[in-house]
Every structure is written in C-alpha cells, then in structure tokens.
Amino acid sequence: MSALGPVEAHKRDCLARWMLSKKTDESIRRWLKKLPEQYQVDMRQRLNTEREKQKRRRYGDRHNTRTNGPGKNIHQQRTGRHYRYNPQGYNPCA
C-alpha cells in the first residue's frame, strides 16, 4: 500500500481506537469484511497495534505473562486478594 499522509494515518489510528472502545470484536470483523483488501490489511494492522498499546498501558510489561508468582494472577495482584495456593490452578471457591 502506498504511504499515507500524516493526516490520513492519524485519522485511521483514531478510528481504530474508537472502534476498539465502542464496538464488539464481531462487529469489527463484519465491518472489516466490507472494506477493500488494502484498507482491510491496513486497518487490521492498526487495530492490532492499538490493542497491544492498550494492554501495555493497562498492564505494563506483565501483559504477556500468564501469572505473577505461584497461584497469583494479574487480578489478584492488582486487588491484593491472594487466595491460598492451589496446585491445580486458581480456584476462588477453594
């Protein structure tokens, strides 16, 4: 795809952020199918980039890690609610 101008690139980034905040994943998929192929590829890339940025803002470097220590997931670490260690995995009913 030819290089976009800075104004058009900014508009598409803003559109990607808006879509992620307001629309469901299924409605985004349906919308992408209606677009021309080059625009589809570009918007998929922008949506994925914006989703990664959101994860990094929300979780920092922990967004790719599965757990934060034995038996503690990200939610437990953020809320300070640590359940007793369960070797089979996280179980709030244990």
PDB file of N, CA and C in Angstrom:
ATOM      1  N   MET A   1       0.842  -1.181   0.000  1.00  0.00           N
ATOM      2  CA  MET A   1       0.000   0.000   0.000  1.00  0.00           C
ATOM      3  C   MET A   1       0.882   1.237   0.000  1.00  0.00           C
ATOM      4  N   SER A   2       0.485   2.246  -0.740  1.00  0.00           N
ATOM      5  CA  SER A   2       1.274   3.463  -0.796  1.00  0.00           C
ATOM      6  C   SER A   2       1.275   4.139   0.565  1.00  0.00           C
ATOM      7  N   ALA A   3       2.303   4.917   0.784  1.00  0.00           N
ATOM      8  CA  ALA A   3       2.447   5.592   2.075  1.00  0.00           C
ATOM      9  C   ALA A   3       1.314   6.605   2.263  1.00  0.00           C
ATOM     10  N   LEU A   4       0.766   6.620   3.447  1.00  0.00           N
ATOM     11  CA  LEU A   4      -0.319   7.544   3.758  1.00  0.00           C
ATOM     12  C   LEU A   4       0.263   8.848   4.278  1.00  0.00           C
ATOM     13  N   GLY A   5      -0.470   9.918   4.071  1.00  0.00           N
ATOM     14  CA  GLY A   5      -0.076  11.185   4.644  1.00  0.00           C
ATOM     15  C   GLY A   5      -0.273  11.155   6.153  1.00  0.00           C
ATOM     16  N   PRO A   6       0.360  12.066   6.865  1.00  0.00           N
ATOM     17  CA  PRO A   6       0.242  12.063   8.325  1.00  0.00           C
ATOM     18  C   PRO A   6      -1.186  12.305   8.813  1.00  0.00           C
ATOM     19  N   VAL A   7      -1.957  13.094   8.083  1.00  0.00           N
ATOM     20  CA  VAL A   7      -3.336  13.373   8.490  1.00  0.00           C
ATOM     21  C   VAL A   7      -4.190  12.123   8.345  1.00  0.00           C
ATOM     22  N   GLU A   8      -4.065  11.434   7.209  1.00  0.00           N
ATOM     23  CA  GLU A   8      -4.842  10.214   6.985  1.00  0.00           C
ATOM     24  C   GLU A   8      -4.440   9.113   7.956  1.00  0.00           C
ATOM     25  N   ALA A   9      -3.139   8.979   8.234  1.00  0.00           N
ATOM     26  CA  ALA A   9      -2.681   7.971   9.194  1.00  0.00           C
ATOM     27  C   ALA A   9      -3.252   8.256  10.585  1.00  0.00           C
ATOM     28  N   HIS A  10      -3.258   9.527  10.976  1.00  0.00           N
ATOM     29  CA  HIS A  10      -3.818   9.905  12.275  1.00  0.00           C
ATOM     30  C   HIS A  10      -5.317   9.599  12.338  1.00  0.00           C
ATOM     31  N   LYS A  11      -6.027   9.885  11.254  1.00  0.00           N
ATOM     32  CA  LYS A  11      -7.464   9.594  11.217  1.00  0.00           C
ATOM     33  C   LYS A  11      -7.729   8.100  11.374  1.00  0.00           C
ATOM     34  N   ARG A  12      -6.927   7.280  10.707  1.00  0.00           N
ATOM     35  CA  ARG A  12      -7.128   5.833  10.794  1.00  0.00           C
ATOM     36  C   ARG A  12      -6.771   5.304  12.188  1.00  0.00           C
ATOM     37  N   ASP A  13      -5.732   5.880  12.814  1.00  0.00           N
ATOM     38  CA  ASP A  13      -5.399   5.486  14.187  1.00  0.00           C
ATOM     39  C   ASP A  13      -6.532   5.848  15.137  1.00  0.00           C
ATOM     40  N   CYS A  14      -7.087   7.026  14.972  1.00  0.00           N
ATOM     41  CA  CYS A  14      -8.215   7.445  15.809  1.00  0.00           C
ATOM     42  C   CYS A  14      -9.427   6.536  15.588  1.00  0.00           C
ATOM     43  N   LEU A  15      -9.672   6.172  14.341  1.00  0.00           N
ATOM     44  CA  LEU A  15     -10.777   5.268  14.027  1.00  0.00           C
ATOM     45  C   LEU A  15     -10.559   3.918  14.705  1.00  0.00           C
ATOM     46  N   ALA A  16      -9.327   3.417  14.670  1.00  0.00           N
ATOM     47  CA  ALA A  16      -9.021   2.132  15.311  1.00  0.00           C
ATOM     48  C   ALA A  16      -9.260   2.212  16.814  1.00  0.00           C
ATOM     49  N   ARG A  17      -8.816   3.285  17.465  1.00  0.00           N
ATOM     50  CA  ARG A  17      -9.036   3.448  18.908  1.00  0.00           C
ATOM     51  C   ARG A  17     -10.521   3.516  19.225  1.00  0.00           C
ATOM     52  N   TRP A  18     -11.270   4.255  18.416  1.00  0.00           N
ATOM     53  CA  TRP A  18     -12.709   4.388  18.639  1.00  0.00           C
ATOM     54  C   TRP A  18     -13.403   3.039  18.472  1.00  0.00           C
ATOM     55  N   MET A  19     -13.044   2.304  17.412  1.00  0.00           N
ATOM     56  CA  MET A  19     -13.669   1.004  17.167  1.00  0.00           C
ATOM     57  C   MET A  19     -13.420   0.056  18.341  1.00  0.00           C
ATOM     58  N   LEU A  20     -12.191   0.037  18.861  1.00  0.00           N
ATOM     59  CA  LEU A  20     -11.879  -0.861  19.966  1.00  0.00           C
ATOM     60  C   LEU A  20     -12.630  -0.485  21.240  1.00  0.00           C
ATOM     61  N   SER A  21     -12.894   0.803  21.417  1.00  0.00           N
ATOM     62  CA  SER A  21     -13.560   1.212  22.652  1.00  0.00           C
ATOM     63  C   SER A  21     -15.081   1.094  22.576  1.00  0.00           C
ATOM     64  N   LYS A  22     -15.661   1.159  21.376  1.00  0.00           N
ATOM     65  CA  LYS A  22     -17.119   1.208  21.250  1.00  0.00           C
ATOM     66  C   LYS A  22     -17.757  -0.033  20.632  1.00  0.00           C
ATOM     67  N   LYS A  23     -17.023  -0.782  19.851  1.00  0.00           N
ATOM     68  CA  LYS A  23     -17.613  -1.881  19.091  1.00  0.00           C
ATOM     69  C   LYS A  23     -17.157  -3.235  19.631  1.00  0.00           C
ATOM     70  N   THR A  24     -17.952  -4.255  19.379  1.00  0.00           N
ATOM     71  CA  THR A  24     -17.569  -5.612  19.754  1.00  0.00           C
ATOM     72  C   THR A  24     -16.631  -6.179  18.692  1.00  0.00           C
ATOM     73  N   ASP A  25     -15.912  -7.243  19.067  1.00  0.00           N
ATOM     74  CA  ASP A  25     -14.998  -7.863  18.111  1.00  0.00           C
ATOM     75  C   ASP A  25     -15.738  -8.394  16.883  1.00  0.00           C
ATOM     76  N   GLU A  26     -16.909  -8.947  17.103  1.00  0.00           N
ATOM     77  CA  GLU A  26     -17.694  -9.486  15.989  1.00  0.00           C
ATOM     78  C   GLU A  26     -18.131  -8.376  15.029  1.00  0.00           C
ATOM     79  N   SER A  27     -18.568  -7.244  15.554  1.00  0.00           N
ATOM     80  CA  SER A  27     -18.987  -6.153  14.668  1.00  0.00           C
ATOM     81  C   SER A  27     -17.785  -5.564  13.924  1.00  0.00           C
ATOM     82  N   ILE A  28     -16.611  -5.570  14.546  1.00  0.00           N
ATOM     83  CA  ILE A  28     -15.399  -5.098  13.850  1.00  0.00           C
ATOM     84  C   ILE A  28     -15.068  -6.052  12.709  1.00  0.00           C
ATOM     85  N   ARG A  29     -15.173  -7.361  12.953  1.00  0.00           N
ATOM     86  CA  ARG A  29     -14.906  -8.336  11.890  1.00  0.00           C
ATOM     87  C   ARG A  29     -15.854  -8.154  10.713  1.00  0.00           C
ATOM     88  N   ARG A  30     -17.139  -7.959  10.996  1.00  0.00           N
ATOM     89  CA  ARG A  30     -18.125  -7.752   9.921  1.00  0.00           C
ATOM     90  C   ARG A  30     -17.794  -6.486   9.131  1.00  0.00           C
ATOM     91  N   TRP A  31     -17.408  -5.415   9.841  1.00  0.00           N
ATOM     92  CA  TRP A  31     -17.071  -4.154   9.187  1.00  0.00           C
ATOM     93  C   TRP A  31     -15.844  -4.323   8.302  1.00  0.00           C
ATOM     94  N   LEU A  32     -14.839  -5.056   8.795  1.00  0.00           N
ATOM     95  CA  LEU A  32     -13.615  -5.244   8.011  1.00  0.00           C
ATOM     96  C   LEU A  32     -13.885  -5.998   6.709  1.00  0.00           C
ATOM     97  N   LYS A  33     -14.813  -6.950   6.734  1.00  0.00           N
ATOM     98  CA  LYS A  33     -15.119  -7.730   5.526  1.00  0.00           C
ATOM     99  C   LYS A  33     -15.705  -6.872   4.417  1.00  0.00           C
ATOM    100  N   LYS A  34     -16.308  -5.753   4.775  1.00  0.00           N
ATOM    101  CA  LYS A  34     -16.932  -4.877   3.775  1.00  0.00           C
ATOM    102  C   LYS A  34     -15.925  -3.953   3.084  1.00  0.00           C
ATOM    103  N   LEU A  35     -14.707  -3.867   3.611  1.00  0.00           N
ATOM    104  CA  LEU A  35     -13.717  -2.917   3.098  1.00  0.00           C
ATOM    105  C   LEU A  35     -12.924  -3.492   1.932  1.00  0.00           C
ATOM    106  N   PRO A  36     -12.325  -2.632   1.113  1.00  0.00           N
ATOM    107  CA  PRO A  36     -11.397  -3.109   0.083  1.00  0.00           C
ATOM    108  C   PRO A  36     -10.193  -3.792   0.743  1.00  0.00           C
ATOM    109  N   GLU A  37      -9.540  -4.681   0.007  1.00  0.00           N
ATOM    110  CA  GLU A  37      -8.496  -5.527   0.590  1.00  0.00           C
ATOM    111  C   GLU A  37      -7.341  -4.741   1.202  1.00  0.00           C
ATOM    112  N   GLN A  38      -6.833  -3.723   0.516  1.00  0.00           N
ATOM    113  CA  GLN A  38      -5.700  -2.952   1.040  1.00  0.00           C
ATOM    114  C   GLN A  38      -6.085  -2.213   2.319  1.00  0.00           C
ATOM    115  N   TYR A  39      -7.251  -1.635   2.337  1.00  0.00           N
ATOM    116  CA  TYR A  39      -7.732  -0.916   3.516  1.00  0.00           C
ATOM    117  C   TYR A  39      -7.948  -1.898   4.668  1.00  0.00           C
ATOM    118  N   GLN A  40      -8.432  -3.101   4.337  1.00  0.00           N
ATOM    119  CA  GLN A  40      -8.647  -4.145   5.334  1.00  0.00           C
ATOM    120  C   GLN A  40      -7.345  -4.511   6.034  1.00  0.00           C
ATOM    121  N   VAL A  41      -6.308  -4.744   5.248  1.00  0.00           N
ATOM    122  CA  VAL A  41      -4.998  -5.121   5.797  1.00  0.00           C
ATOM    123  C   VAL A  41      -4.456  -4.007   6.681  1.00  0.00           C
ATOM    124  N   ASP A  42      -4.561  -2.780   6.212  1.00  0.00           N
ATOM    125  CA  ASP A  42      -4.070  -1.634   6.969  1.00  0.00           C
ATOM    126  C   ASP A  42      -4.819  -1.476   8.288  1.00  0.00           C
ATOM    127  N   MET A  43      -6.135  -1.594   8.250  1.00  0.00           N
ATOM    128  CA  MET A  43      -6.919  -1.416   9.473  1.00  0.00           C
ATOM    129  C   MET A  43      -6.704  -2.573  10.447  1.00  0.00           C
ATOM    130  N   ARG A  44      -6.533  -3.792   9.949  1.00  0.00           N
ATOM    131  CA  ARG A  44      -6.225  -4.906  10.853  1.00  0.00           C
ATOM    132  C   ARG A  44      -4.930  -4.649  11.603  1.00  0.00           C
ATOM    133  N   GLN A  45      -3.931  -4.171  10.866  1.00  0.00           N
ATOM    134  CA  GLN A  45      -2.644  -3.871  11.491  1.00  0.00           C
ATOM    135  C   GLN A  45      -2.798  -2.766  12.540  1.00  0.00           C
ATOM    136  N   ARG A  46      -3.548  -1.732  12.212  1.00  0.00           N
ATOM    137  CA  ARG A  46      -3.750  -0.630  13.160  1.00  0.00           C
ATOM    138  C   ARG A  46      -4.544  -1.078  14.386  1.00  0.00           C
ATOM    139  N   LEU A  47      -5.567  -1.901  14.176  1.00  0.00           N
ATOM    140  CA  LEU A  47      -6.355  -2.411  15.300  1.00  0.00           C
ATOM    141  C   LEU A  47      -5.489  -3.266  16.230  1.00  0.00           C
ATOM    142  N   ASN A  48      -4.671  -4.132  15.655  1.00  0.00           N
ATOM    143  CA  ASN A  48      -3.793  -4.964  16.476  1.00  0.00           C
ATOM    144  C   ASN A  48      -2.776  -4.125  17.235  1.00  0.00           C
ATOM    145  N   THR A  49      -2.225  -3.113  16.581  1.00  0.00           N
ATOM    146  CA  THR A  49      -1.268  -2.231  17.240  1.00  0.00           C
ATOM    147  C   THR A  49      -1.924  -1.483  18.394  1.00  0.00           C
ATOM    148  N   GLU A  50      -3.114  -0.955  18.167  1.00  0.00           N
ATOM    149  CA  GLU A  50      -3.815  -0.216  19.228  1.00  0.00           C
ATOM    150  C   GLU A  50      -4.198  -1.139  20.383  1.00  0.00           C
ATOM    151  N   ARG A  51      -4.582  -2.368  20.067  1.00  0.00           N
ATOM    152  CA  ARG A  51      -4.925  -3.332  21.127  1.00  0.00           C
ATOM    153  C   ARG A  51      -3.694  -3.629  21.986  1.00  0.00           C
ATOM    154  N   GLU A  52      -2.531  -3.784  21.352  1.00  0.00           N
ATOM    155  CA  GLU A  52      -1.285  -4.006  22.104  1.00  0.00           C
ATOM    156  C   GLU A  52      -0.946  -2.794  22.976  1.00  0.00           C
ATOM    157  N   LYS A  53      -1.123  -1.597  22.429  1.00  0.00           N
ATOM    158  CA  LYS A  53      -0.855  -0.383  23.211  1.00  0.00           C
ATOM    159  C   LYS A  53      -1.763  -0.312  24.436  1.00  0.00           C
ATOM    160  N   GLN A  54      -3.049  -0.667  24.258  1.00  0.00           N
ATOM    161  CA  GLN A  54      -3.971  -0.673  25.392  1.00  0.00           C
ATOM    162  C   GLN A  54      -3.520  -1.653  26.457  1.00  0.00           C
ATOM    163  N   LYS A  55      -3.099  -2.844  26.042  1.00  0.00           N
ATOM    164  CA  LYS A  55      -2.638  -3.836  27.003  1.00  0.00           C
ATOM    165  C   LYS A  55      -1.411  -3.336  27.748  1.00  0.00           C
ATOM    166  N   ARG A  56      -0.481  -2.706  27.024  1.00  0.00           N
ATOM    167  CA  ARG A  56       0.722  -2.194  27.684  1.00  0.00           C
ATOM    168  C   ARG A  56       0.383  -1.072  28.664  1.00  0.00           C
ATOM    169  N   ARG A  57      -0.575  -0.197  28.293  1.00  0.00           N
ATOM    170  CA  ARG A  57      -0.976   0.867  29.216  1.00  0.00           C
ATOM    171  C   ARG A  57      -1.647   0.283  30.449  1.00  0.00           C
ATOM    172  N   ARG A  58      -2.453  -0.741  30.244  1.00  0.00           N
ATOM    173  CA  ARG A  58      -3.221  -1.318  31.341  1.00  0.00           C
ATOM    174  C   ARG A  58      -2.356  -2.163  32.261  1.00  0.00           C
ATOM    175  N   TYR A  59      -1.501  -3.022  31.680  1.00  0.00           N
ATOM    176  CA  TYR A  59      -0.762  -3.985  32.484  1.00  0.00           C
ATOM    177  C   TYR A  59       0.743  -3.775  32.506  1.00  0.00           C
ATOM    178  N   GLY A  60       1.270  -2.853  31.729  1.00  0.00           N
ATOM    179  CA  GLY A  60       2.707  -2.668  31.676  1.00  0.00           C
ATOM    180  C   GLY A  60       3.371  -3.856  31.013  1.00  0.00           C
ATOM    181  N   ASP A  61       4.493  -4.268  31.550  1.00  0.00           N
ATOM    182  CA  ASP A  61       5.228  -5.394  30.968  1.00  0.00           C
ATOM    183  C   ASP A  61       4.623  -6.734  31.339  1.00  0.00           C
ATOM    184  N   ARG A  62       3.638  -6.751  32.216  1.00  0.00           N
ATOM    185  CA  ARG A  62       3.060  -8.015  32.659  1.00  0.00           C
ATOM    186  C   ARG A  62       2.014  -8.545  31.696  1.00  0.00           C
ATOM    187  N   HIS A  63       1.671  -7.822  30.639  1.00  0.00           N
ATOM    188  CA  HIS A  63       0.535  -8.232  29.817  1.00  0.00           C
ATOM    189  C   HIS A  63       0.768  -9.535  29.063  1.00  0.00           C
ATOM    190  N   ASN A  64       2.020  -9.965  28.896  1.00  0.00           N
ATOM    191  CA  ASN A  64       2.279 -11.229  28.217  1.00  0.00           C
ATOM    192  C   ASN A  64       2.489 -12.384  29.180  1.00  0.00           C
ATOM    193  N   THR A  65       2.596 -12.101  30.467  1.00  0.00           N
ATOM    194  CA  THR A  65       2.869 -13.169  31.413  1.00  0.00           C
ATOM    195  C   THR A  65       1.579 -13.854  31.819  1.00  0.00           C
ATOM    196  N   ARG A  66       1.673 -15.130  32.080  1.00  0.00           N
ATOM    197  CA  ARG A  66       0.481 -15.891  32.442  1.00  0.00           C
ATOM    198  C   ARG A  66       0.115 -15.666  33.899  1.00  0.00           C
ATOM    199  N   THR A  67       1.101 -15.718  34.796  1.00  0.00           N
ATOM    200  CA  THR A  67       0.846 -15.498  36.216  1.00  0.00           C
ATOM    201  C   THR A  67       1.903 -14.571  36.777  1.00  0.00           C
ATOM    202  N   ASN A  68       1.676 -14.086  37.968  1.00  0.00           N
ATOM    203  CA  ASN A  68       2.634 -13.223  38.667  1.00  0.00           C
ATOM    204  C   ASN A  68       3.053 -13.888  39.969  1.00  0.00           C
ATOM    205  N   GLY A  69       3.590 -15.063  39.861  1.00  0.00           N
ATOM    206  CA  GLY A  69       4.006 -15.793  41.051  1.00  0.00           C
ATOM    207  C   GLY A  69       3.148 -17.032  41.212  1.00  0.00           C
ATOM    208  N   PRO A  70       3.472 -17.854  42.201  1.00  0.00           N
ATOM    209  CA  PRO A  70       2.734 -19.103  42.353  1.00  0.00           C
ATOM    210  C   PRO A  70       1.298 -18.860  42.786  1.00  0.00           C
ATOM    211  N   GLY A  71       0.366 -19.205  41.917  1.00  0.00           N
ATOM    212  CA  GLY A  71      -1.040 -19.126  42.259  1.00  0.00           C
ATOM    213  C   GLY A  71      -1.657 -17.748  42.226  1.00  0.00           C
ATOM    214  N   LYS A  72      -0.949 -16.737  41.717  1.00  0.00           N
ATOM    215  CA  LYS A  72      -1.491 -15.378  41.698  1.00  0.00           C
ATOM    216  C   LYS A  72      -1.616 -14.898  40.259  1.00  0.00           C
ATOM    217  N   ASN A  73      -2.792 -14.497  39.857  1.00  0.00           N
ATOM    218  CA  ASN A  73      -2.929 -13.913  38.527  1.00  0.00           C
ATOM    219  C   ASN A  73      -2.903 -12.393  38.637  1.00  0.00           C
ATOM    220  N   ILE A  74      -3.008 -11.713  37.514  1.00  0.00           N
ATOM    221  CA  ILE A  74      -2.903 -10.254  37.497  1.00  0.00           C
ATOM    222  C   ILE A  74      -3.990  -9.615  38.343  1.00  0.00           C
ATOM    223  N   HIS A  75      -5.217 -10.133  38.272  1.00  0.00           N
ATOM    224  CA  HIS A  75      -6.310  -9.559  39.056  1.00  0.00           C
ATOM    225  C   HIS A  75      -6.014  -9.649  40.552  1.00  0.00           C
ATOM    226  N   GLN A  76      -5.505 -10.777  40.990  1.00  0.00           N
ATOM    227  CA  GLN A  76      -5.189 -10.934  42.403  1.00  0.00           C
ATOM    228  C   GLN A  76      -4.094  -9.978  42.831  1.00  0.00           C
ATOM    229  N   GLN A  77      -3.100  -9.787  41.972  1.00  0.00           N
ATOM    230  CA  GLN A  77      -2.009  -8.895  42.335  1.00  0.00           C
ATOM    231  C   GLN A  77      -2.506  -7.449  42.419  1.00  0.00           C
ATOM    232  N   ARG A  78      -3.377  -7.044  41.500  1.00  0.00           N
ATOM    233  CA  ARG A  78      -3.850  -5.664  41.491  1.00  0.00           C
ATOM    234  C   ARG A  78      -4.809  -5.374  42.640  1.00  0.00           C
ATOM    235  N   THR A  79      -5.631  -6.340  43.010  1.00  0.00           N
ATOM    236  CA  THR A  79      -6.616  -6.092  44.057  1.00  0.00           C
ATOM    237  C   THR A  79      -6.091  -6.447  45.431  1.00  0.00           C
ATOM    238  N   GLY A  80      -4.962  -7.150  45.500  1.00  0.00           N
ATOM    239  CA  GLY A  80      -4.415  -7.535  46.784  1.00  0.00           C
ATOM    240  C   GLY A  80      -5.132  -8.714  47.403  1.00  0.00           C
ATOM    241  N   ARG A  81      -6.005  -9.377  46.655  1.00  0.00           N
ATOM    242  CA  ARG A  81      -6.731 -10.535  47.175  1.00  0.00           C
ATOM    243  C   ARG A  81      -5.992 -11.797  46.765  1.00  0.00           C
ATOM    244  N   HIS A  82      -5.272 -12.364  47.693  1.00  0.00           N
ATOM    245  CA  HIS A  82      -4.496 -13.569  47.403  1.00  0.00           C
ATOM    246  C   HIS A  82      -5.178 -14.750  48.066  1.00  0.00           C
ATOM    247  N   TYR A  83      -5.623 -15.661  47.238  1.00  0.00           N
ATOM    248  CA  TYR A  83      -6.225 -16.876  47.753  1.00  0.00           C
ATOM    249  C   TYR A  83      -5.119 -17.854  48.091  1.00  0.00           C
ATOM    250  N   ARG A  84      -5.441 -18.841  48.902  1.00  0.00           N
ATOM    251  CA  ARG A  84      -4.409 -19.810  49.244  1.00  0.00           C
ATOM    252  C   ARG A  84      -3.955 -20.537  47.986  1.00  0.00           C
ATOM    253  N   TYR A  85      -2.737 -21.001  48.013  1.00  0.00           N
ATOM    254  CA  TYR A  85      -2.147 -21.627  46.842  1.00  0.00           C
ATOM    255  C   TYR A  85      -2.849 -22.947  46.539  1.00  0.00           C
ATOM    256  N   ASN A  86      -3.216 -23.132  45.294  1.00  0.00           N
ATOM    257  CA  ASN A  86      -3.868 -24.347  44.841  1.00  0.00           C
ATOM    258  C   ASN A  86      -3.021 -24.925  43.711  1.00  0.00           C
ATOM    259  N   PRO A  87      -2.395 -26.103  43.875  1.00  0.00           N
ATOM    260  CA  PRO A  87      -1.506 -26.621  42.838  1.00  0.00           C
ATOM    261  C   PRO A  87      -2.212 -26.942  41.530  1.00  0.00           C
ATOM    262  N   GLN A  88      -3.554 -27.093  41.538  1.00  0.00           N
ATOM    263  CA  GLN A  88      -4.264 -27.355  40.287  1.00  0.00           C
ATOM    264  C   GLN A  88      -4.573 -26.071  39.533  1.00  0.00           C
ATOM    265  N   GLY A  89      -4.318 -24.931  40.111  1.00  0.00           N
ATOM    266  CA  GLY A  89      -4.591 -23.663  39.451  1.00  0.00           C
ATOM    267  C   GLY A  89      -5.466 -22.775  40.304  1.00  0.00           C
ATOM    268  N   TYR A  90      -5.823 -21.633  39.781  1.00  0.00           N
ATOM    269  CA  TYR A  90      -6.623 -20.644  40.502  1.00  0.00           C
ATOM    270  C   TYR A  90      -8.055 -21.138  40.664  1.00  0.00           C
ATOM    271  N   ASN A  91      -8.524 -21.167  41.893  1.00  0.00           N
ATOM    272  CA  ASN A  91      -9.897 -21.590  42.170  1.00  0.00           C
ATOM    273  C   ASN A  91     -10.417 -20.749  43.324  1.00  0.00           C
ATOM    274  N   PRO A  92     -11.271 -19.757  43.065  1.00  0.00           N
ATOM    275  CA  PRO A  92     -11.729 -18.888  44.136  1.00  0.00           C
ATOM    276  C   PRO A  92     -12.635 -19.600  45.153  1.00  0.00           C
ATOM    277  N   CYS A  93     -13.177 -20.760  44.776  1.00  0.00           N
ATOM    278  CA  CYS A  93     -14.066 -21.478  45.699  1.00  0.00           C
ATOM    279  C   CYS A  93     -13.283 -22.363  46.661  1.00  0.00           C
ATOM    280  N   ALA A  94     -11.989 -22.557  46.435  1.00  0.00           N
ATOM    281  CA  ALA A  94     -11.202 -23.458  47.283  1.00  0.00           C
ATOM    282  C   ALA A  94     -10.990 -22.878  48.668  1.00  0.00           C
TER     283      ALA A  94
END
